[in-house]
Amino acid sequence: MSEKPLTINLTAKKAGVGVETIRYYQRIGLINKPEKPLSGYRVYSEETVSRLRFIQRAKELGFSLAEISNLLALGDGRCMETKGLAVHKLEIIKSKINDLQSMASTLEKLIQSCESNPDYQGCPIIKAISKR
């Protein structure tokens, strides 16, 4: 029993993405658009499915599509350059985590100040946000 040809719908389903995502990735050059035969639908390869999965996993790690394009261009044989991109991304992520922790701490303090305002004489949260 032979497998069904990988049409765009089947490719999308196998890779866990939408059809429009595939079309978008084709437009921006992340994946190739297969030739359309005169008699039917474009047929995608398993390599395209793997590439789509790679893109999705890289997005989950926080890489932008431009960064993913760079990763794909580097390929498997340029580990030190790839490592450099990953180190840079990790630094950005850690910085964002620090910013988020600072934001959470500030909000916790504002919430506590609101709770210790029994007469509700003006909202400390609104006052703090209004300050410049």
Protein backbone atom coordinates (compact mmCIF):
# COMPACT_ATOMS: atom_id res chain seq x y z
CA MET A 1 0.00 0.00 0.00
CA SER A 2 1.54 3.30 -1.05
CA GLU A 3 1.25 6.49 1.00
CA LYS A 4 -0.82 9.39 -0.20
CA PRO A 5 1.15 12.14 -1.92
CA LEU A 6 2.00 15.01 0.41
CA THR A 7 -0.33 17.74 -0.77
CA ILE A 8 -0.22 21.06 1.04
CA ASN A 9 -3.09 19.97 3.32
CA LEU A 10 -1.44 16.69 4.27
CA THR A 11 1.94 18.39 4.71
CA ALA A 12 0.38 20.98 7.01
CA LYS A 13 -1.33 18.29 9.04
CA LYS A 14 1.84 16.18 9.35
CA ALA A 15 3.93 19.19 10.37
CA GLY A 16 1.32 20.59 12.75
CA VAL A 17 0.97 23.93 10.98
CA GLY A 18 -1.70 25.64 8.92
CA VAL A 19 -1.83 25.75 5.16
CA GLU A 20 -1.47 29.53 5.24
CA THR A 21 1.67 29.13 7.36
CA ILE A 22 3.20 26.98 4.63
CA ARG A 23 2.27 29.55 2.00
CA TYR A 24 3.74 32.34 4.11
CA TYR A 25 6.98 30.43 4.68
CA GLN A 26 7.19 29.88 0.92
CA ARG A 27 6.74 33.61 0.25
CA ILE A 28 9.52 34.57 2.66
CA GLY A 29 11.84 31.80 1.46
CA LEU A 30 11.95 29.51 4.50
CA ILE A 31 10.69 26.57 2.46
CA ASN A 32 10.66 25.85 -1.24
CA LYS A 33 7.51 25.79 -3.30
CA PRO A 34 7.36 22.59 -5.31
CA GLU A 35 6.54 22.76 -8.98
CA LYS A 36 2.89 22.30 -9.81
CA PRO A 37 2.38 19.50 -12.30
CA LEU A 38 -0.04 20.12 -15.13
CA SER A 39 -2.26 17.32 -13.90
CA GLY A 40 -2.76 18.12 -10.25
CA TYR A 41 -1.59 19.40 -6.92
CA ARG A 42 1.87 20.33 -5.71
CA VAL A 43 3.53 17.46 -3.88
CA TYR A 44 5.76 18.19 -0.89
CA SER A 45 8.59 16.06 0.41
CA GLU A 46 9.23 14.58 3.84
CA GLU A 47 12.18 16.98 3.95
CA THR A 48 9.69 19.86 3.83
CA VAL A 49 7.76 18.33 6.74
CA SER A 50 11.01 18.05 8.71
CA ARG A 51 11.93 21.64 7.87
CA LEU A 52 8.50 22.86 8.99
CA ARG A 53 8.89 20.98 12.28
CA PHE A 54 12.35 22.50 12.72
CA ILE A 55 10.91 25.98 12.19
CA GLN A 56 8.16 25.35 14.74
CA ARG A 57 10.59 24.02 17.35
CA ALA A 58 12.93 26.98 16.79
CA LYS A 59 9.99 29.37 17.22
CA GLU A 60 9.12 27.64 20.50
CA LEU A 61 12.68 28.37 21.66
CA GLY A 62 12.11 32.05 20.96
CA PHE A 63 13.89 32.42 17.64
CA SER A 64 12.37 34.90 15.20
CA LEU A 65 11.74 33.88 11.60
CA ALA A 66 14.77 35.95 10.53
CA GLU A 67 16.93 34.12 13.07
CA ILE A 68 15.49 30.79 11.92
CA SER A 69 16.42 31.71 8.37
CA ASN A 70 19.99 32.24 9.58
CA LEU A 71 19.96 28.90 11.41
CA LEU A 72 18.74 27.13 8.30
CA ALA A 73 21.39 28.85 6.19
CA LEU A 74 24.12 27.77 8.62
CA GLY A 75 22.99 24.18 8.46
CA ASP A 76 24.40 21.33 10.48
CA GLY A 77 28.08 21.89 9.75
CA ARG A 78 28.66 25.27 11.38
CA CYS A 79 28.22 24.53 15.04
CA MET A 80 30.27 27.42 16.46
CA GLU A 81 28.28 30.02 14.50
CA THR A 82 25.03 28.34 15.50
CA LYS A 83 26.20 28.29 19.10
CA GLY A 84 26.87 32.03 18.88
CA LEU A 85 23.29 32.65 17.75
CA ALA A 86 21.97 30.45 20.55
CA VAL A 87 24.12 32.20 23.18
CA HIS A 88 22.84 35.57 21.98
CA LYS A 89 19.23 34.35 22.11
CA LEU A 90 19.76 32.99 25.63
CA GLU A 91 21.09 36.36 26.79
CA ILE A 92 17.99 38.07 25.39
CA ILE A 93 15.69 35.55 27.07
CA LYS A 94 17.43 35.93 30.43
CA SER A 95 17.15 39.71 30.15
CA LYS A 96 13.43 39.39 29.43
CA ILE A 97 13.03 37.06 32.42
CA ASN A 98 14.71 39.66 34.65
CA ASP A 99 12.42 42.37 33.26
CA LEU A 100 9.35 40.19 33.87
CA GLN A 101 10.46 39.39 37.43
CA SER A 102 10.91 43.10 38.08
CA MET A 103 7.46 43.82 36.67
CA ALA A 104 5.94 41.07 38.82
CA SER A 105 7.63 42.44 41.93
CA THR A 106 6.36 45.95 41.21
CA LEU A 107 2.81 44.68 40.65
CA GLU A 108 2.94 42.66 43.87
CA LYS A 109 3.93 45.79 45.82
CA LEU A 110 1.18 47.80 44.16
CA ILE A 111 -1.39 45.14 44.97
CA GLN A 112 -0.23 45.11 48.61
CA SER A 113 -0.47 48.90 48.78
CA CYS A 114 -4.02 48.66 47.47
CA GLU A 115 -4.91 46.06 50.11
CA SER A 116 -3.50 48.30 52.85
CA ASN A 117 -5.68 51.18 51.71
CA PRO A 118 -8.80 50.41 53.78
CA ASP A 119 -10.61 53.65 53.02
CA TYR A 120 -9.94 53.37 49.31
CA GLN A 121 -8.88 57.00 49.18
CA GLY A 122 -7.68 56.89 45.61
CA CYS A 123 -6.26 53.76 44.10
CA PRO A 124 -2.51 53.37 44.70
CA ILE A 125 -2.19 51.28 41.55
CA ILE A 126 -3.72 54.00 39.36
CA LYS A 127 -1.63 56.67 41.12
CA ALA A 128 1.58 54.71 40.59
CA ILE A 129 0.80 54.10 36.92
CA SER A 130 -0.10 57.77 36.44
CA LYS A 131 3.26 58.97 37.82
CA ARG A 132 5.87 59.84 35.32
